[in-house]
């Protein structure tokens, strides 16, 4: 099924670097202590904004989030000793102690942190606290030139304008692998559909059982 195919890609960590795949080698789960998940695992983006968030975060989606710095040190040592590639590890302890990027209070901008959730809210603020959504590149440039607020601007199609004027955009081409966030969204939607259909089938089976009981009761009365 489509769900099984997408799930297999997730379990195999298709599209991730060798080091990340090594950390999650056994059945897609972490093999080391203190590992919480990748950034892509831990955030959930509103539908339609996956491409924007992916464009802003890029390789950071593959960062492995751990509980403490000691877990990061141990993981790096493990990768080095076993020749399993490299990965970036992000400890949550410092983020939870207030070391995160807070959005500047303004009614003039739509901050992307308001459209992304995570099991660790400090992670979203750290990664996306200064990122605003704009309709298109023209609006991004107009806001950037106004220079009233230091922010990174991103369009829903994935064009990114940084505070220094660095601009990323264009066509990615059809040869790139599927977006990690899009794949996770697809898997969630398929699993929701399976649950819905299962509930429908269970309900129909209950109705059939009730009708069968009523038919049996009527036949019994007719036989009296």
Protein backbone atom coordinates (compact mmCIF):
# COMPACT_ATOMS: atom_id res chain seq x y z
CA UNK A 1 0.00 0.00 0.00
CA UNK A 2 1.02 3.65 -0.29
CA UNK A 3 1.17 3.95 3.49
CA UNK A 4 3.50 0.97 3.80
CA UNK A 5 5.76 2.31 1.04
CA UNK A 6 6.06 5.73 2.67
CA UNK A 7 6.56 4.17 6.10
CA UNK A 8 9.40 2.01 4.75
CA UNK A 9 11.13 5.16 3.48
CA UNK A 10 10.75 6.72 6.91
CA UNK A 11 12.05 3.68 8.77
CA UNK A 12 15.03 3.45 6.41
CA UNK A 13 15.65 7.21 6.86
CA UNK A 14 15.76 7.61 3.08
CA UNK A 15 17.21 11.00 2.17
CA UNK A 16 19.19 11.40 5.40
CA UNK A 17 22.99 11.42 5.73
CA UNK A 18 24.95 8.30 6.64
CA UNK A 19 25.61 9.45 10.20
CA UNK A 20 21.94 10.12 10.88
CA UNK A 21 20.94 6.77 9.39
CA UNK A 22 23.47 5.05 11.66
CA UNK A 23 22.03 6.71 14.74
CA UNK A 24 18.54 5.48 13.81
CA UNK A 25 19.58 2.18 12.23
CA UNK A 26 17.52 -0.28 14.26
CA UNK A 27 13.96 -0.13 12.98
CA UNK A 28 14.13 3.64 12.54
CA UNK A 29 14.53 4.23 16.28
CA UNK A 30 17.57 5.75 18.03
CA UNK A 31 20.46 3.44 18.91
CA UNK A 32 22.09 5.83 21.39
CA UNK A 33 21.11 7.22 24.79
CA UNK A 34 19.53 10.65 25.01
CA UNK A 35 18.43 10.86 21.37
CA UNK A 36 15.03 12.55 20.99
CA UNK A 37 14.76 12.54 17.19
CA UNK A 38 15.71 14.58 14.17
CA UNK A 39 14.44 18.12 13.75
CA UNK A 40 12.18 16.84 10.96
CA UNK A 41 10.76 14.24 13.36
CA UNK A 42 9.97 16.76 16.06
CA UNK A 43 8.25 19.57 14.17
CA UNK A 44 4.85 19.65 12.53
CA UNK A 45 4.16 22.29 9.91
CA UNK A 46 0.79 23.60 8.79
CA UNK A 47 -0.22 22.22 5.36
CA UNK A 48 1.11 24.34 2.52
CA UNK A 49 4.14 25.65 4.41
CA UNK A 50 6.35 22.54 4.22
CA UNK A 51 8.32 23.88 1.27
CA UNK A 52 8.92 27.20 3.02
CA UNK A 53 10.17 25.60 6.24
CA UNK A 54 12.31 23.12 4.34
CA UNK A 55 13.90 25.96 2.35
CA UNK A 56 14.76 27.89 5.53
CA UNK A 57 16.05 24.95 7.56
CA UNK A 58 17.73 22.92 4.81
CA UNK A 59 20.29 20.53 6.30
CA UNK A 60 19.18 21.48 9.81
CA UNK A 61 16.14 19.23 9.35
CA UNK A 62 18.59 16.34 9.71
CA UNK A 63 20.12 17.59 12.94
CA UNK A 64 19.76 15.01 15.69
CA UNK A 65 18.18 16.49 18.81
CA UNK A 66 19.50 15.08 22.10
CA UNK A 67 18.64 15.79 25.71
CA UNK A 68 22.04 16.95 26.98
CA UNK A 69 25.45 17.95 25.66
CA UNK A 70 26.97 14.75 27.11
CA UNK A 71 24.72 12.75 24.81
CA UNK A 72 26.01 14.76 21.84
CA UNK A 73 29.65 14.07 22.81
CA UNK A 74 28.97 10.36 23.25
CA UNK A 75 27.17 10.16 19.88
CA UNK A 76 29.99 11.90 18.02
CA UNK A 77 32.52 9.55 19.62
CA UNK A 78 30.39 6.55 18.67
CA UNK A 79 30.14 7.65 15.04
CA UNK A 80 33.89 8.26 14.86
CA UNK A 81 34.86 4.97 16.50
CA UNK A 82 32.59 2.92 14.24
CA UNK A 83 33.23 4.87 11.04
CA UNK A 84 29.52 5.51 10.61
CA UNK A 85 29.69 8.96 9.07
CA UNK A 86 28.98 12.31 10.67
CA UNK A 87 25.94 14.11 12.03
CA UNK A 88 25.08 17.33 13.86
CA UNK A 89 23.68 16.98 17.37
CA UNK A 90 21.64 19.69 19.09
CA UNK A 91 21.22 19.49 22.91
CA UNK A 92 17.84 20.64 24.21
CA UNK A 93 19.12 21.62 27.66
CA UNK A 94 20.47 25.02 26.57
CA UNK A 95 17.40 25.78 24.46
CA UNK A 96 15.10 25.04 27.38
CA UNK A 97 17.15 27.39 29.55
CA UNK A 98 16.22 30.35 27.37
CA UNK A 99 18.94 30.29 24.71
CA UNK A 100 16.59 30.65 21.78
CA UNK A 101 15.64 33.23 19.16
CA UNK A 102 12.51 35.15 20.08
CA UNK A 103 10.37 36.81 17.42
CA UNK A 104 10.25 40.60 17.58
CA UNK A 105 6.78 41.76 18.64
CA UNK A 106 5.12 43.38 15.62
CA UNK A 107 1.70 43.22 14.00
CA UNK A 108 3.25 43.92 10.62
CA UNK A 109 4.74 40.45 10.07
CA UNK A 110 3.46 36.90 10.03
CA UNK A 111 5.96 34.79 11.96
CA UNK A 112 6.39 31.21 10.87
CA UNK A 113 6.75 30.01 14.47
CA UNK A 114 3.00 30.58 14.81
CA UNK A 115 2.43 27.93 12.14
CA UNK A 116 4.84 25.27 13.37
CA UNK A 117 4.45 23.09 16.45
CA UNK A 118 6.88 20.75 18.18
CA UNK A 119 7.19 18.55 21.24
CA UNK A 120 9.86 21.02 22.36
CA UNK A 121 8.60 24.58 21.64
CA UNK A 122 12.06 25.99 22.39
CA UNK A 123 13.34 24.09 19.34
CA UNK A 124 10.95 25.94 17.02
CA UNK A 125 11.88 29.31 18.52
CA UNK A 126 15.59 28.56 18.17
CA UNK A 127 15.37 27.48 14.54
CA UNK A 128 12.62 29.74 13.21
CA UNK A 129 12.23 32.57 15.72
CA UNK A 130 13.29 35.28 13.27
CA UNK A 131 11.59 33.94 10.11
CA UNK A 132 8.57 35.68 8.61
CA UNK A 133 6.24 34.44 5.87
CA UNK A 134 5.55 36.72 2.91
CA UNK A 135 3.35 36.23 -0.14
CA UNK A 136 6.05 36.57 -2.77
CA UNK A 137 9.58 37.76 -3.46
CA UNK A 138 8.44 41.32 -4.20
CA UNK A 139 6.95 41.60 -0.72
CA UNK A 140 10.08 40.06 0.77
CA UNK A 141 12.29 42.62 -0.92
CA UNK A 142 10.04 45.52 0.07
CA UNK A 143 10.12 44.51 3.72
CA UNK A 144 13.85 43.83 3.61
CA UNK A 145 14.60 47.27 2.09
CA UNK A 146 12.41 48.92 4.70
CA UNK A 147 14.83 47.36 7.24
CA UNK A 148 12.54 48.03 10.19
CA UNK A 149 12.90 44.52 11.59
CA UNK A 150 15.84 42.16 11.26
CA UNK A 151 14.27 38.98 9.90
CA UNK A 152 14.59 36.26 7.30
CA UNK A 153 11.73 36.30 4.81
CA UNK A 154 10.40 33.17 3.09
CA UNK A 155 7.67 32.63 0.52
CA UNK A 156 5.39 29.56 0.45
CA UNK A 157 7.26 28.38 -2.66
CA UNK A 158 10.58 28.37 -0.79
CA UNK A 159 12.33 31.61 -1.79
CA UNK A 160 14.42 32.83 1.14
CA UNK A 161 15.80 36.34 1.71
CA UNK A 162 18.19 36.68 4.65
CA UNK A 163 18.87 39.88 6.64
CA UNK A 164 22.19 40.31 4.78
CA UNK A 165 20.47 40.14 1.38
CA UNK A 166 21.43 36.55 0.62
CA UNK A 167 18.72 35.21 -1.67
CA UNK A 168 17.91 31.58 -2.33
CA UNK A 169 15.40 30.50 -4.95
CA UNK A 170 14.82 29.16 -8.43
CA UNK A 171 13.88 25.68 -9.59
CA UNK A 172 15.08 22.62 -7.70
CA UNK A 173 14.39 20.30 -10.62
CA UNK A 174 12.56 16.99 -10.58
CA UNK A 175 15.58 14.87 -9.67
CA UNK A 176 15.76 15.81 -5.98
CA UNK A 177 14.34 13.37 -3.42
CA UNK A 178 10.96 14.06 -1.88
CA UNK A 179 10.92 16.66 0.86
CA UNK A 180 11.34 15.14 4.33
CA UNK A 181 8.50 17.25 5.68
CA UNK A 182 6.23 16.47 2.72
CA UNK A 183 6.86 12.76 3.21
CA UNK A 184 6.01 12.99 6.90
CA UNK A 185 2.85 14.92 6.08
CA UNK A 186 1.91 12.28 3.52
CA UNK A 187 2.43 9.49 6.07
CA UNK A 188 0.33 11.30 8.69
CA UNK A 189 -2.48 11.88 6.18
CA UNK A 190 -2.43 8.23 5.07
CA UNK A 191 -2.50 7.00 8.66
CA UNK A 192 -5.40 9.35 9.44
CA UNK A 193 -7.26 7.99 6.42
CA UNK A 194 -6.63 4.40 7.55
CA UNK A 195 -7.98 5.24 11.02
CA UNK A 196 -11.05 6.90 9.51
CA UNK A 197 -11.78 3.94 7.24
CA UNK A 198 -11.23 1.50 10.11
CA UNK A 199 -13.72 3.40 12.27
CA UNK A 200 -16.20 3.41 9.37
CA UNK A 201 -15.83 -0.34 8.83
CA UNK A 202 -16.16 -1.03 12.55
CA UNK A 203 -19.30 1.10 12.65
CA UNK A 204 -20.79 -0.68 9.65
CA UNK A 205 -19.98 -4.07 11.16
CA UNK A 206 -21.72 -2.99 14.36
CA UNK A 207 -24.78 -1.95 12.36
CA UNK A 208 -24.82 -5.28 10.51
CA UNK A 209 -24.56 -7.16 13.80
CA UNK A 210 -27.44 -5.13 15.27
CA UNK A 211 -29.62 -5.76 12.21
CA UNK A 212 -28.78 -9.47 12.29
CA UNK A 213 -29.85 -9.63 15.92
CA UNK A 214 -33.12 -7.84 15.10
CA UNK A 215 -33.80 -10.21 12.19
CA UNK A 216 -33.12 -13.16 14.47
CA UNK A 217 -35.52 -11.79 17.06
CA UNK A 218 -38.24 -11.27 14.44
CA UNK A 219 -37.82 -14.80 13.13
CA UNK A 220 -38.05 -16.13 16.65
CA UNK A 221 -41.32 -14.24 17.17
CA UNK A 222 -42.69 -15.51 13.86
CA UNK A 223 -41.85 -19.02 14.92
CA UNK A 224 -43.83 -18.72 18.13
